[in-house]
Structure formats: C-alpha cells, structure tokens
Amino acid sequence: MAAQDVLGQTARLASSSALLQVLFRVLTFGLNAFTLRYLSPELLGVVNVRLTLLYSTVVFLAREAFRRACLSGSAKRNWTKTINLLWLTVPLGVFWSVILGLVWLHLLEVPDPSVVPHYQAGVVAFGLSAIIELLGEPLWVLAQVHLFVRLKVIAESLSVVSKCILTVTLVIIYPQWGLYIFALAQLLYVSVLVMSYVIYFVMFLGSPEAKKKSFPVARVKALLPNFVEDETFVNWKEARLTWSFFKQSFLKQILTEGERYVMTFLNVLNFGDQGVYDIVNNLGSLVARFIFLPIEESFYVFFAKVLERGKSVKDQKQDDVAMAANVLELLLKLVLLIGLTITVFGYAYSQLALDLYGGSMLSSGTGPDLLRCYSLYVLFLAVNGVTECFTSALMCKEEVDRYNFVMLALSLIFLCISYFLTHWYGSVGFILANCFNMGIRIAHSTHYIYDYFKGSTHRPLTGLLPSPFLLLVYVSSGGITAFSEVLFCCDKGWMGRLIHVSTGALCLAAALVTMLCTESELLHFVRSH
C-alpha cells in the first residue's frame, strides 16, 4: 500500500476513533453526573479506581506488548504465526487475573460492606471481563492492521451504549445492589465488544469483499491457534519484539496508572476522596482521551507502515521519510495548539465546570485546583502522545531494551514523587507528579526524534514552536479570563456566570482567528485528512 494511501486511511481511522471517544466520554460524563445523585462517592471510588485498575492492569499487561509487536511491519506476513502469538494473550490474561485478583481480595483494604456491598463479586467480575476481552485480540489486530474503521466504531459504540443503558436501569431500579450493578455492566460491555468482532469476521471471511481485498485469512478456523507441520508455532522475530515491549509495557502501566496504584496500595486517600479525584480526572481527561489517544493509536500504525523499524533515516525511502517528517511536524503542532487551548481556558473555567457538573460537592474543596492542574497536565499528555507514538514505531529491539531501563528508573522516581507530593499537597500532588513523569518522557522522545532526523534536512520538532503572535493571544486570553473569573464567577449569580462564559467565548474566538491566519499549512492538513 502506498504511503499516501496509508496516510489517508490512518487519518480516517484517527477521526473515527476520535468521534468514538467523544461518544464514550459524553456517555461516561452523563453517567457519572447521573450516578452522583444515586450512589455514594465511596462506591464510585471503588468502581472507578480500584476495580477499573484491576481490569486495565490485566488487559494492559496481557496484550499491550503483543499489539505493539504485531501492528508493526507490513500486512503481508505469515498470519497463522501472528494469530498464534496473539492467542497467547488469553493464558497470560488468566495468569494476571488470578494473581492480581488474589491481591485485590486478600492484601488490599476491603471496603466497608455497609457502604460498598458485594466487593468480592466485583473483583471476580472485573477480572473475568478482562479475560473475555482478550478472546477478541486476534480479531482486533487483524482489523487494525487492515484499517477496518467502521468495524471498530460500531463494535465499541454498541458495547458502550449497552453498558450505559444497563447501568442506568439497574441504578434506578436496584440501587441497593451496589457493585453487582457495575459488575454486570462490565461483563455486558466486553461480551458485546467481542461478539461484534466475531460476528463481523464470520460474515466477512469467504465473502466476495474479502476475496476482492485479498484478505490473508480465508476461513474462520484460521482465526484459531493452528500448528503448521515442520514450522515454528510463532514468528520468533515478533515474539522477541513482544518480550521487549512486554518489559516496557509493565513499566509504562505503572507510569500511566501510577496515581491509582499509589491510592490503591498506600491508602493515601480514602474511598470518598478517590471517588471525587476520579470524577475530576475523568472530566479533565475528556479532550485528552477522545482526541489525543485516537491520534496516537492511529498514527502509530501509519509510522510503523511507512518507515521500517530499526533502519536509519538514510536507509529509508526518502519520499516516505519526507512524508513521515511532515506528518510528525503537523501532528505535533496540532496537539500542541489543542493542549495550549485547554491549559489557558481550563484555568479560569474549572470551578464553573465542576459546579455545573456535580454541584458544591465538586466545586468546593480541592476539586477546582485539581481540574486547573489537570488542564496543565493535558498539555504534557498532548505532546507526549505523539512523540512516543513515533519513537515506539521506529525503535529497534535493542533501543526498546535500552529504553526499558530508562522507564524502570522513571517508574521508581515517579512512585516516590507521587507518594511525597500527595502527603504535601493532597490529591493535587498526583497530577504534579504526572506532569514531571510526562516531562521526562517527552525529553527522551524528542531527543530520539532529533537524533533520528539529524542526518537529513527534515526538522519535524519545529512543530513544537507556534507563532509568537499566537502565543501572545494565548497569554492575553489567560489573563483576561482569570480576571473575569474573579469578578463574575461563581458566586455572582447566573448573570455573572453568563458574562464570564461570554468573555471566554470572545477570547477563544480571537485565538481561533489568529490560528487561521498563522497556521495555514496545519489547517490544510486537517482539512485534507
């Protein structure tokens, strides 16, 4: 497939994934606002922090390394061996579910049954849901490599909508069920997700469309593990790369979910405070998750397909290098501007957003400070997502192994900093520690990108330098909106709030107009793809 075609399909995948993430977050946003009126913060803290951490840890450790290794390279490969390798995620998931489930049940503090009933059933259900989701991993990788955009959108939309409908129904009818509600909803979510992929591939394989596309898998049976006589069970090159990524993914999971591990294992916050933190965290990460994550996932596929892993820039096709450098530069500028917008306007509108969303329970206390800090953290997330996406797609096995040592040191430093900052600043300390963590990772990735393109004429890191005039507009907007918050929000009534919102709208309009005038190449890229 030509690089230009890959770029077009990758951009469509990213935009569709972004729309999908919008749906996820809007539904979760509404669901949390609804359940706040019916359930205690303690129950939400156990579900959204502890049980979700169990599920995400099992899934991440079992599949992330396999995804990274099997999404690299061309779609033309021995898919029997790749599928065999991907099926190893299931026994690995069972192993992690059992080990971590026992830790969650017997080593961690058990919530008060009168406040959070049925904790043990919740642990079992969330661990089981991780195993069920891993059953669809070979199908997910096949769909991702062949850029089946519509399948991903439909499957994940159906699963999220089903989960939300069941949760709302049970919360209204049986609020006393406690964790049973979220356990059943989680099991329904993964079951619908996996069955959507299974049904699609059962109908697709052997169809005229599959033959027209020369799809490498012809029969449903080929999606199961297969032993080939006189051949190895897996591709050992992919297996070795998977092992390298596995060592890295273990550390990356600690860095990604570090604050939840500290909360869960060190008990620095009670379950009620964990619930408030998680609600604010979900609100703050709306843009990060529905824009930055789809871009990172989709353009990882683009860079992995266009450039060859482990080869220097001089040994690559120069047309592909030029395209990759241009795309990287524009992606960096795109996420930087989005991040700056969130940081600047998030500071002055955090308290208002929390007051509208959850009332005084969220807008008083540490809630507004949490969201303001998270607005700054979004800027770090934006840049790190794209820079790590590029480096992960290009690093050879030896470079991945070296990076693992960096991640190990960073993980230990991050956990220590999280612990001390939380004791000094409360839950705000978690976000400050995450900013430090992301800053170090960005420094490593930008250093790798600089070295990679040093031998060429391309300088994609200039994407991190917006126009000075646009920066001036952002600084002015930040000052004006902060002054507006002091004068008009949030205890000056609805008229004061309206004036504050109108002030922000005018400042945002000024920033967007300036962007239109100063970033014409970026606008052309966004419109084209």
Protein backbone atom coordinates (compact mmCIF):
# COMPACT_ATOMS: atom_id res chain seq x y z
CA MET A 1 0.00 0.00 0.00
CA ALA A 2 1.39 3.45 -0.97
CA ALA A 3 2.38 5.79 1.83
CA GLN A 4 -0.21 8.37 0.71
CA ASP A 5 -2.98 5.75 0.88
CA VAL A 6 -1.83 4.68 4.33
CA LEU A 7 -1.91 8.32 5.46
CA GLY A 8 -5.46 8.79 4.15
CA GLN A 9 -6.78 5.64 5.80
CA THR A 10 -4.90 6.38 9.03
CA ALA A 11 -6.39 9.86 9.20
CA ARG A 12 -9.88 8.43 8.71
CA LEU A 13 -9.17 5.89 11.45
CA ALA A 14 -7.99 8.64 13.80
CA SER A 15 -11.02 10.87 13.12
CA SER A 16 -13.45 7.97 13.52
CA SER A 17 -11.73 6.90 16.72
CA ALA A 18 -11.90 10.48 17.96
CA LEU A 19 -15.64 10.59 17.32
CA LEU A 20 -15.95 7.25 19.07
CA GLN A 21 -14.06 8.57 22.07
CA VAL A 22 -16.38 11.58 22.12
CA LEU A 23 -19.30 9.16 22.43
CA PHE A 24 -17.52 7.22 25.20
CA ARG A 25 -16.68 10.28 27.20
CA VAL A 26 -20.04 12.02 26.75
CA LEU A 27 -21.85 8.87 27.91
CA THR A 28 -19.43 8.39 30.83
CA PHE A 29 -19.74 12.08 31.62
CA GLY A 30 -23.52 11.86 31.75
CA LEU A 31 -23.43 8.54 33.58
CA ASN A 32 -21.22 9.93 36.36
CA ALA A 33 -23.39 13.03 36.71
CA PHE A 34 -26.44 10.78 36.98
CA THR A 35 -24.98 8.24 39.41
CA LEU A 36 -23.68 11.02 41.68
CA ARG A 37 -27.35 11.65 42.55
CA TYR A 38 -28.00 7.99 43.43
CA LEU A 39 -24.76 6.42 44.70
CA SER A 40 -22.13 7.36 47.26
CA PRO A 41 -18.69 8.74 46.33
CA GLU A 42 -17.19 5.74 48.17
CA LEU A 43 -18.90 3.27 45.83
CA LEU A 44 -17.81 5.25 42.77
CA GLY A 45 -14.26 5.39 44.15
CA VAL A 46 -14.10 1.59 44.48
CA VAL A 47 -15.52 1.04 40.97
CA ASN A 48 -13.69 3.77 39.07
CA VAL A 49 -10.33 3.48 40.84
CA ARG A 50 -9.80 0.06 42.37
CA LEU A 51 -11.84 -2.31 40.17
CA THR A 52 -11.14 -0.43 36.95
CA LEU A 53 -7.44 -0.53 37.85
CA LEU A 54 -7.64 -4.32 38.19
CA TYR A 55 -9.28 -4.64 34.77
CA SER A 56 -6.97 -2.20 33.00
CA THR A 57 -3.84 -3.74 34.56
CA VAL A 58 -4.75 -7.28 33.47
CA VAL A 59 -5.66 -6.19 29.94
CA PHE A 60 -2.64 -3.94 29.55
CA LEU A 61 -0.08 -6.45 30.80
CA ALA A 62 -1.61 -9.26 28.75
CA ARG A 63 -1.95 -7.55 25.39
CA GLU A 64 -0.10 -4.22 25.05
CA ALA A 65 3.25 -5.78 24.10
CA PHE A 66 1.58 -8.12 21.59
CA ARG A 67 -0.25 -5.21 19.99
CA ARG A 68 2.89 -3.13 19.63
CA ALA A 69 4.84 -6.02 18.07
CA CYS A 70 2.09 -7.34 15.77
CA LEU A 71 0.97 -3.94 14.48
CA SER A 72 4.50 -3.23 13.23
CA GLY A 73 5.52 -4.05 9.70
CA SER A 74 3.56 -4.92 6.59
CA ALA A 75 0.12 -6.53 6.40
CA LYS A 76 1.78 -9.16 4.18
CA ARG A 77 3.19 -11.73 6.61
CA ASN A 78 2.58 -15.25 7.88
CA TRP A 79 -0.69 -14.50 9.63
CA THR A 80 -1.01 -18.02 11.03
CA LYS A 81 2.05 -17.42 13.21
CA THR A 82 0.94 -13.91 14.14
CA ILE A 83 -2.51 -15.17 15.18
CA ASN A 84 -0.87 -17.98 17.18
CA LEU A 85 1.22 -15.39 19.00
CA LEU A 86 -1.82 -13.22 19.72
CA TRP A 87 -3.72 -16.13 21.28
CA LEU A 88 -1.03 -16.27 23.97
CA THR A 89 -2.67 -13.14 25.41
CA VAL A 90 -5.50 -15.33 26.78
CA PRO A 91 -3.46 -17.61 29.10
CA LEU A 92 -1.39 -14.59 30.05
CA GLY A 93 -4.63 -12.78 30.93
CA VAL A 94 -5.82 -15.72 33.03
CA PHE A 95 -2.50 -15.72 34.90
CA TRP A 96 -2.65 -11.99 35.68
CA SER A 97 -6.36 -12.15 36.57
CA VAL A 98 -5.77 -14.88 39.15
CA ILE A 99 -2.63 -13.32 40.67
CA LEU A 100 -3.97 -9.77 40.82
CA GLY A 101 -7.44 -10.94 41.85
CA LEU A 102 -5.95 -12.62 44.91
CA VAL A 103 -4.03 -9.44 45.72
CA TRP A 104 -7.19 -7.32 45.39
CA LEU A 105 -9.16 -9.73 47.59
CA HIS A 106 -6.69 -10.58 50.34
CA LEU A 107 -3.88 -8.00 50.51
CA LEU A 108 -5.71 -4.70 49.94
CA GLU A 109 -8.06 -2.95 52.34
CA VAL A 110 -11.62 -4.28 51.93
CA PRO A 111 -14.32 -1.55 51.80
CA ASP A 112 -16.99 -1.42 54.48
CA PRO A 113 -19.77 -3.80 53.26
CA SER A 114 -22.48 -1.43 54.55
CA VAL A 115 -21.15 1.37 52.28
CA VAL A 116 -19.80 -0.70 49.36
CA PRO A 117 -21.60 -4.08 49.25
CA HIS A 118 -20.52 -7.14 47.19
CA TYR A 119 -16.84 -6.18 46.80
CA GLN A 120 -15.68 -9.79 46.24
CA ALA A 121 -18.16 -10.31 43.39
CA GLY A 122 -16.93 -7.08 41.79
CA VAL A 123 -13.30 -8.25 41.84
CA VAL A 124 -14.20 -11.59 40.23
CA ALA A 125 -16.38 -9.96 37.56
CA PHE A 126 -13.81 -7.34 36.53
CA GLY A 127 -11.04 -9.96 36.35
CA LEU A 128 -13.27 -12.23 34.25
CA SER A 129 -14.20 -9.35 31.95
CA ALA A 130 -10.51 -8.81 31.15
CA ILE A 131 -10.15 -12.46 30.06
CA ILE A 132 -13.29 -12.25 27.90
CA GLU A 133 -11.99 -9.14 26.14
CA LEU A 134 -8.67 -10.85 25.36
CA LEU A 135 -10.56 -13.55 23.42
CA GLY A 136 -11.10 -10.97 20.68
CA GLU A 137 -7.49 -9.79 20.49
CA PRO A 138 -6.52 -11.60 17.23
CA LEU A 139 -9.60 -10.14 15.55
CA TRP A 140 -8.84 -6.63 16.84
CA VAL A 141 -5.27 -6.72 15.49
CA LEU A 142 -6.44 -8.03 12.11
CA ALA A 143 -9.00 -5.23 11.91
CA GLN A 144 -6.49 -2.58 12.97
CA VAL A 145 -3.76 -3.66 10.55
CA HIS A 146 -6.23 -3.70 7.64
CA LEU A 147 -7.77 -0.39 8.79
CA PHE A 148 -11.34 -1.63 9.28
CA VAL A 149 -12.53 1.74 10.58
CA ARG A 150 -16.27 1.07 10.55
CA LEU A 151 -15.95 -2.20 12.48
CA LYS A 152 -14.14 -0.56 15.39
CA VAL A 153 -16.61 2.31 15.55
CA ILE A 154 -19.69 0.06 15.51
CA ALA A 155 -18.32 -2.56 17.92
CA GLU A 156 -17.16 -0.14 20.57
CA SER A 157 -20.22 2.10 20.22
CA LEU A 158 -22.59 -0.84 20.73
CA SER A 159 -20.66 -2.07 23.76
CA VAL A 160 -20.52 1.35 25.46
CA VAL A 161 -24.19 2.13 24.81
CA SER A 162 -25.21 -1.32 26.13
CA LYS A 163 -23.14 -0.80 29.28
CA CYS A 164 -24.60 2.65 29.94
CA ILE A 165 -28.21 1.54 29.41
CA LEU A 166 -27.81 -1.41 31.80
CA THR A 167 -26.03 0.71 34.43
CA VAL A 168 -28.68 3.44 34.41
CA THR A 169 -31.52 0.91 34.51
CA LEU A 170 -30.08 -1.01 37.46
CA VAL A 171 -29.13 2.16 39.37
CA ILE A 172 -32.74 3.37 39.15
CA ILE A 173 -34.43 0.04 39.90
CA TYR A 174 -31.95 -1.70 42.23
CA PRO A 175 -29.58 0.90 43.76
CA GLN A 176 -29.06 -1.43 46.75
CA TRP A 177 -27.25 -3.95 44.51
CA GLY A 178 -24.05 -1.89 44.84
CA LEU A 179 -21.15 -3.42 42.93
CA TYR A 180 -23.41 -6.02 41.29
CA ILE A 181 -24.62 -3.20 39.02
CA PHE A 182 -21.17 -2.33 37.72
CA ALA A 183 -20.05 -5.98 37.57
CA LEU A 184 -22.94 -6.93 35.29
CA ALA A 185 -22.47 -3.80 33.17
CA GLN A 186 -18.76 -4.53 32.72
CA LEU A 187 -19.41 -8.14 31.68
CA LEU A 188 -22.04 -6.97 29.19
CA TYR A 189 -19.61 -4.40 27.76
CA VAL A 190 -16.83 -6.89 26.97
CA SER A 191 -19.26 -9.56 25.74
CA VAL A 192 -20.88 -7.19 23.23
CA LEU A 193 -17.45 -5.93 22.13
CA VAL A 194 -16.02 -9.40 21.44
CA MET A 195 -19.20 -10.74 19.83
CA SER A 196 -19.32 -7.75 17.46
CA TYR A 197 -15.87 -8.66 16.13
CA VAL A 198 -16.71 -12.38 15.97
CA ILE A 199 -19.96 -11.82 14.05
CA TYR A 200 -18.27 -9.44 11.62
CA PHE A 201 -15.43 -11.82 10.76
CA VAL A 202 -17.74 -14.83 10.49
CA MET A 203 -19.75 -12.90 7.87
CA PHE A 204 -16.72 -11.29 6.22
CA LEU A 205 -14.39 -14.27 5.71
CA GLY A 206 -15.06 -16.06 2.45
CA SER A 207 -17.27 -13.23 1.17
CA PRO A 208 -16.71 -11.59 -2.24
CA GLU A 209 -15.47 -8.45 -0.46
CA ALA A 210 -12.77 -10.45 1.35
CA LYS A 211 -11.65 -12.07 -1.90
CA LYS A 212 -11.62 -8.70 -3.65
CA LYS A 213 -9.35 -7.29 -0.92
CA SER A 214 -7.15 -10.45 -0.99
CA PHE A 215 -7.67 -10.77 2.74
CA PRO A 216 -4.92 -13.05 4.14
CA VAL A 217 -7.29 -15.18 6.27
CA ALA A 218 -9.77 -17.25 4.26
CA ARG A 219 -11.62 -19.34 6.88
CA VAL A 220 -12.97 -18.81 10.38
CA LYS A 221 -10.94 -21.82 11.55
CA ALA A 222 -7.77 -19.93 10.61
CA LEU A 223 -8.58 -17.41 13.36
CA LEU A 224 -7.92 -20.12 15.96
CA PRO A 225 -4.46 -21.37 17.02
CA ASN A 226 -3.01 -23.66 14.33
CA PHE A 227 0.03 -25.91 14.33
CA VAL A 228 1.87 -25.97 11.00
CA GLU A 229 3.95 -29.08 10.34
CA ASP A 230 7.71 -28.52 10.16
CA GLU A 231 7.32 -24.86 11.13
CA THR A 232 7.57 -22.95 14.39
CA PHE A 233 4.36 -22.14 16.24
CA VAL A 234 5.07 -18.40 16.22
CA ASN A 235 7.25 -15.92 14.36
CA TRP A 236 10.25 -15.70 16.68
CA LYS A 237 11.18 -12.21 15.48
CA GLU A 238 7.74 -10.96 16.55
CA ALA A 239 7.98 -12.99 19.76
CA ARG A 240 11.33 -11.44 20.74
CA LEU A 241 10.00 -7.96 19.95
CA THR A 242 6.92 -8.75 22.05
CA TRP A 243 9.14 -9.68 25.00
CA SER A 244 10.99 -6.38 24.70
CA PHE A 245 7.73 -4.46 24.58
CA PHE A 246 6.37 -6.52 27.49
CA LYS A 247 9.18 -5.37 29.76
CA GLN A 248 8.46 -1.80 28.65
CA SER A 249 4.67 -2.13 28.96
CA PHE A 250 4.97 -3.27 32.57
CA LEU A 251 6.78 -0.05 33.39
CA LYS A 252 4.56 2.06 31.15
CA GLN A 253 1.48 0.80 33.01
CA ILE A 254 2.98 1.95 36.31
CA LEU A 255 3.65 5.37 34.82
CA THR A 256 0.22 5.61 33.16
CA GLU A 257 -1.84 4.48 36.16
CA GLY A 258 0.69 5.44 38.83
CA GLU A 259 -1.62 7.58 40.93
CA ARG A 260 -4.21 4.79 41.09
CA TYR A 261 -1.57 2.30 42.26
CA VAL A 262 -0.45 4.72 44.96
CA MET A 263 -4.09 5.28 46.02
CA THR A 264 -4.83 1.55 45.98
CA PHE A 265 -1.74 0.17 47.69
CA LEU A 266 -0.66 3.01 50.00
CA ASN A 267 -4.11 4.26 51.14
CA VAL A 268 -3.13 7.93 50.89
CA LEU A 269 -6.78 8.86 50.13
CA ASN A 270 -9.99 7.35 51.49
CA PHE A 271 -12.53 5.84 49.08
CA GLY A 272 -14.67 9.02 49.08
CA ASP A 273 -11.71 11.23 48.12
CA GLN A 274 -10.72 8.68 45.48
CA GLY A 275 -14.23 8.96 44.04
CA VAL A 276 -14.00 12.77 43.80
CA TYR A 277 -10.49 12.57 42.33
CA ASP A 278 -11.62 10.09 39.69
CA ILE A 279 -14.64 12.21 38.70
CA VAL A 280 -12.43 15.28 38.29
CA ASN A 281 -9.84 13.16 36.46
CA ASN A 282 -12.47 11.90 34.00
CA LEU A 283 -13.72 15.42 33.41
CA GLY A 284 -10.19 16.74 32.89
CA SER A 285 -9.22 13.95 30.53
CA LEU A 286 -12.17 14.33 28.16
CA VAL A 287 -10.18 16.01 25.39
CA ALA A 288 -7.02 14.00 26.10
CA ARG A 289 -8.82 10.70 25.65
CA PHE A 290 -11.13 11.43 22.74
CA ILE A 291 -8.59 13.35 20.62
CA PHE A 292 -5.03 12.52 21.67
CA LEU A 293 -5.43 8.77 22.21
CA PRO A 294 -7.03 8.05 18.79
CA ILE A 295 -4.31 10.13 17.12
CA GLU A 296 -1.60 8.20 18.96
CA GLU A 297 -3.09 4.76 18.18
CA SER A 298 -3.83 5.50 14.52
CA PHE A 299 -0.62 7.29 13.59
CA TYR A 300 1.45 4.62 15.31
CA VAL A 301 0.10 2.36 12.56
CA PHE A 302 0.98 5.00 9.94
CA PHE A 303 4.60 5.46 11.07
CA ALA A 304 5.08 1.69 11.50
CA LYS A 305 3.87 1.06 7.94
CA VAL A 306 5.63 3.95 6.18
CA LEU A 307 9.04 3.69 7.89
CA GLU A 308 10.90 0.48 8.60
CA ARG A 309 11.74 -0.30 12.22
CA GLY A 310 15.44 -0.31 13.13
CA LYS A 311 16.67 1.37 9.91
CA SER A 312 18.39 4.76 9.92
CA VAL A 313 16.83 7.69 8.07
CA LYS A 314 19.39 7.34 5.25
CA ASP A 315 18.39 3.71 4.60
CA GLN A 316 14.67 4.50 4.24
CA LYS A 317 12.84 5.56 1.08
CA GLN A 318 13.39 9.31 1.04
CA ASP A 319 9.86 10.13 -0.18
CA ASP A 320 8.45 8.19 2.76
CA VAL A 321 10.86 9.94 5.15
CA ALA A 322 9.74 13.34 3.86
CA MET A 323 6.07 12.43 4.29
CA ALA A 324 6.61 10.99 7.78
CA ALA A 325 8.59 14.07 8.87
CA ASN A 326 5.93 16.43 7.54
CA VAL A 327 3.11 14.47 9.19
CA LEU A 328 5.01 14.34 12.51
CA GLU A 329 5.65 18.10 12.43
CA LEU A 330 1.99 18.91 11.73
CA LEU A 331 0.73 16.41 14.33
CA LEU A 332 2.98 17.98 16.96
CA LYS A 333 1.67 21.43 16.12
CA LEU A 334 -1.94 20.22 16.13
CA VAL A 335 -1.79 18.59 19.56
CA LEU A 336 0.30 21.45 20.97
CA LEU A 337 -2.33 24.03 19.99
CA ILE A 338 -5.14 21.88 21.36
CA GLY A 339 -3.20 21.41 24.60
CA LEU A 340 -2.45 25.13 24.92
CA THR A 341 -6.12 25.93 24.42
CA ILE A 342 -7.16 23.53 27.18
CA THR A 343 -4.46 24.81 29.55
CA VAL A 344 -5.24 28.51 29.04
CA PHE A 345 -9.03 28.32 29.24
CA GLY A 346 -9.18 25.42 31.70
CA TYR A 347 -7.64 27.52 34.45
CA ALA A 348 -10.44 30.11 34.54
CA TYR A 349 -13.37 27.76 33.93
CA SER A 350 -12.58 24.78 36.18
CA GLN A 351 -14.71 25.89 39.12
CA LEU A 352 -17.69 26.75 36.91
CA ALA A 353 -17.49 23.41 35.09
CA LEU A 354 -17.42 21.44 38.34
CA ASP A 355 -20.27 23.46 39.85
CA LEU A 356 -22.48 22.79 36.82
CA TYR A 357 -21.50 19.12 36.71
CA GLY A 358 -21.67 17.96 40.33
CA GLY A 359 -22.75 20.92 42.43
CA SER A 360 -20.99 22.07 45.58
CA MET A 361 -19.67 18.55 46.30
CA LEU A 362 -17.17 19.02 43.45
CA SER A 363 -16.81 22.80 43.14
CA SER A 364 -15.83 23.27 46.80
CA GLY A 365 -12.67 21.92 48.38
CA THR A 366 -9.84 20.67 46.19
CA GLY A 367 -11.97 19.99 43.08
CA PRO A 368 -11.24 23.27 41.20
CA ASP A 369 -7.50 23.14 41.97
CA LEU A 370 -7.43 19.53 40.74
CA LEU A 371 -9.03 20.45 37.44
CA ARG A 372 -6.78 23.51 36.97
CA CYS A 373 -3.69 21.35 37.43
CA TYR A 374 -5.13 18.76 35.09
CA SER A 375 -5.53 21.46 32.42
CA LEU A 376 -1.76 21.92 32.52
CA TYR A 377 -1.23 18.15 32.51
CA VAL A 378 -3.27 17.90 29.27
CA LEU A 379 -0.56 19.91 27.50
CA PHE A 380 2.08 17.36 28.57
CA LEU A 381 -0.20 14.49 27.52
CA ALA A 382 -0.70 16.06 24.10
CA VAL A 383 2.97 16.30 23.21
CA ASN A 384 3.99 13.01 24.81
CA GLY A 385 1.35 11.01 22.93
CA VAL A 386 2.67 11.97 19.50
CA THR A 387 6.40 11.86 20.32
CA GLU A 388 6.14 8.41 21.97
CA CYS A 389 3.92 7.19 19.13
CA PHE A 390 6.75 7.94 16.66
CA THR A 391 9.58 6.53 18.78
CA SER A 392 7.65 3.32 19.59
CA ALA A 393 7.03 2.72 15.89
CA LEU A 394 10.71 3.20 14.93
CA MET A 395 12.84 1.85 17.78
CA CYS A 396 14.57 -1.46 17.11
CA LYS A 397 14.68 -4.25 19.70
CA GLU A 398 17.97 -3.07 21.22
CA GLU A 399 16.68 0.51 21.54
CA VAL A 400 13.47 -0.75 23.15
CA ASP A 401 15.54 -2.74 25.65
CA ARG A 402 17.65 0.33 26.50
CA TYR A 403 14.52 2.40 26.91
CA ASN A 404 13.21 -0.17 29.37
CA PHE A 405 15.99 0.76 31.80
CA VAL A 406 15.02 4.43 31.48
CA MET A 407 11.39 3.51 32.18
CA LEU A 408 12.41 1.44 35.21
CA ALA A 409 14.26 4.36 36.78
CA LEU A 410 11.43 6.72 35.87
CA SER A 411 8.83 4.40 37.40
CA LEU A 412 10.63 4.28 40.73
CA ILE A 413 11.17 8.05 40.79
CA PHE A 414 7.54 8.67 39.82
CA LEU A 415 6.13 6.46 42.58
CA CYS A 416 8.33 8.14 45.19
CA ILE A 417 7.43 11.63 43.99
CA SER A 418 3.72 10.71 43.92
CA TYR A 419 3.84 9.48 47.49
CA PHE A 420 5.58 12.57 48.88
CA LEU A 421 3.66 15.15 46.80
CA THR A 422 0.37 13.56 47.85
CA HIS A 423 1.34 13.86 51.52
CA TRP A 424 2.25 17.52 50.99
CA TYR A 425 -0.46 18.69 48.56
CA GLY A 426 -3.18 16.04 48.76
CA SER A 427 -4.70 14.72 45.55
CA VAL A 428 -3.21 17.65 43.57
CA GLY A 429 0.19 16.01 44.17
CA PHE A 430 -0.78 13.14 41.87
CA ILE A 431 -1.22 15.49 38.93
CA LEU A 432 2.02 17.35 39.66
CA ALA A 433 3.87 14.01 39.74
CA ASN A 434 2.28 13.06 36.41
CA CYS A 435 3.46 16.34 34.87
CA PHE A 436 7.03 15.52 35.97
CA ASN A 437 6.70 11.99 34.58
CA MET A 438 5.42 13.20 31.20
CA GLY A 439 8.08 15.90 31.00
CA ILE A 440 10.88 13.32 31.32
CA ARG A 441 9.25 11.04 28.73
CA ILE A 442 8.85 13.96 26.32
CA ALA A 443 12.53 14.85 26.77
CA HIS A 444 13.55 11.27 25.91
CA SER A 445 11.29 11.05 22.85
CA THR A 446 12.26 14.45 21.43
CA HIS A 447 15.94 13.53 21.86
CA TYR A 448 15.33 10.32 19.88
CA ILE A 449 13.46 12.22 17.12
CA TYR A 450 16.22 14.85 16.91
CA ASP A 451 18.90 12.17 16.57
CA TYR A 452 16.85 10.20 14.03
CA PHE A 453 16.42 13.15 11.63
CA LYS A 454 19.85 14.67 12.33
CA GLY A 455 21.27 13.10 9.15
CA SER A 456 18.53 14.57 6.94
CA THR A 457 17.20 18.00 6.05
CA HIS A 458 13.93 17.42 7.92
CA ARG A 459 13.26 19.06 11.30
CA PRO A 460 9.84 17.88 12.49
CA LEU A 461 10.38 19.18 16.04
CA THR A 462 9.75 22.70 14.74
CA GLY A 463 6.10 21.69 15.11
CA LEU A 464 6.55 22.47 18.82
CA LEU A 465 7.14 26.15 18.01
CA PRO A 466 3.84 28.01 17.39
CA SER A 467 3.89 31.57 16.06
CA PRO A 468 4.87 34.27 18.60
CA PHE A 469 1.73 36.28 17.82
CA LEU A 470 -0.48 33.27 18.61
CA LEU A 471 1.37 32.78 21.91
CA LEU A 472 0.73 36.44 22.74
CA VAL A 473 -3.01 35.92 22.13
CA TYR A 474 -2.99 32.87 24.43
CA VAL A 475 -1.21 34.77 27.22
CA SER A 476 -3.64 37.69 26.90
CA SER A 477 -6.64 35.34 26.90
CA GLY A 478 -5.38 33.62 30.04
CA GLY A 479 -5.05 36.93 31.89
CA ILE A 480 -8.43 38.26 30.75
CA THR A 481 -10.36 35.09 31.64
CA ALA A 482 -8.64 34.78 35.04
CA PHE A 483 -9.62 38.38 35.83
CA SER A 484 -13.17 37.66 34.60
CA GLU A 485 -13.42 34.66 36.96
CA VAL A 486 -12.52 36.83 39.97
CA LEU A 487 -15.09 39.47 39.02
CA PHE A 488 -18.04 37.40 37.81
CA CYS A 489 -17.77 33.76 38.92
CA CYS A 490 -19.01 31.68 40.58
CA ASP A 491 -20.99 33.27 43.44
CA LYS A 492 -22.32 36.27 41.46
CA GLY A 493 -25.44 34.53 40.15
CA TRP A 494 -26.35 33.35 36.68
CA MET A 495 -25.83 36.76 35.07
CA GLY A 496 -22.24 36.86 36.32
CA ARG A 497 -21.66 33.34 35.03
CA LEU A 498 -23.07 34.31 31.65
CA ILE A 499 -20.72 37.31 31.42
CA HIS A 500 -17.78 35.07 32.39
CA VAL A 501 -18.67 32.49 29.72
CA SER A 502 -19.14 35.24 27.08
CA THR A 503 -15.71 36.67 27.92
CA GLY A 504 -14.16 33.25 27.42
CA ALA A 505 -16.02 32.75 24.14
CA LEU A 506 -14.67 36.03 22.77
CA CYS A 507 -11.11 35.18 23.81
CA LEU A 508 -11.40 31.71 22.28
CA ALA A 509 -12.73 33.22 19.05
CA ALA A 510 -9.73 35.56 18.95
CA ALA A 511 -7.34 32.62 19.42
CA LEU A 512 -9.06 30.61 16.65
CA VAL A 513 -8.98 33.54 14.21
CA THR A 514 -5.28 34.05 14.95
CA MET A 515 -4.74 30.34 14.36
CA LEU A 516 -6.48 30.57 10.97
CA CYS A 517 -4.16 33.40 9.96
CA THR A 518 -0.86 31.97 11.23
CA GLU A 519 -1.16 28.18 10.76
CA SER A 520 -2.33 27.78 7.14
CA GLU A 521 -0.32 24.59 6.48
CA LEU A 522 -1.79 22.89 9.55
CA LEU A 523 -5.32 23.85 8.52
CA HIS A 524 -4.73 22.40 5.06
CA PHE A 525 -3.52 19.14 6.63
CA VAL A 526 -6.59 18.89 8.90
CA ARG A 527 -9.00 19.65 6.04
CA SER A 528 -7.28 17.21 3.68
CA HIS A 529 -7.21 14.27 6.07
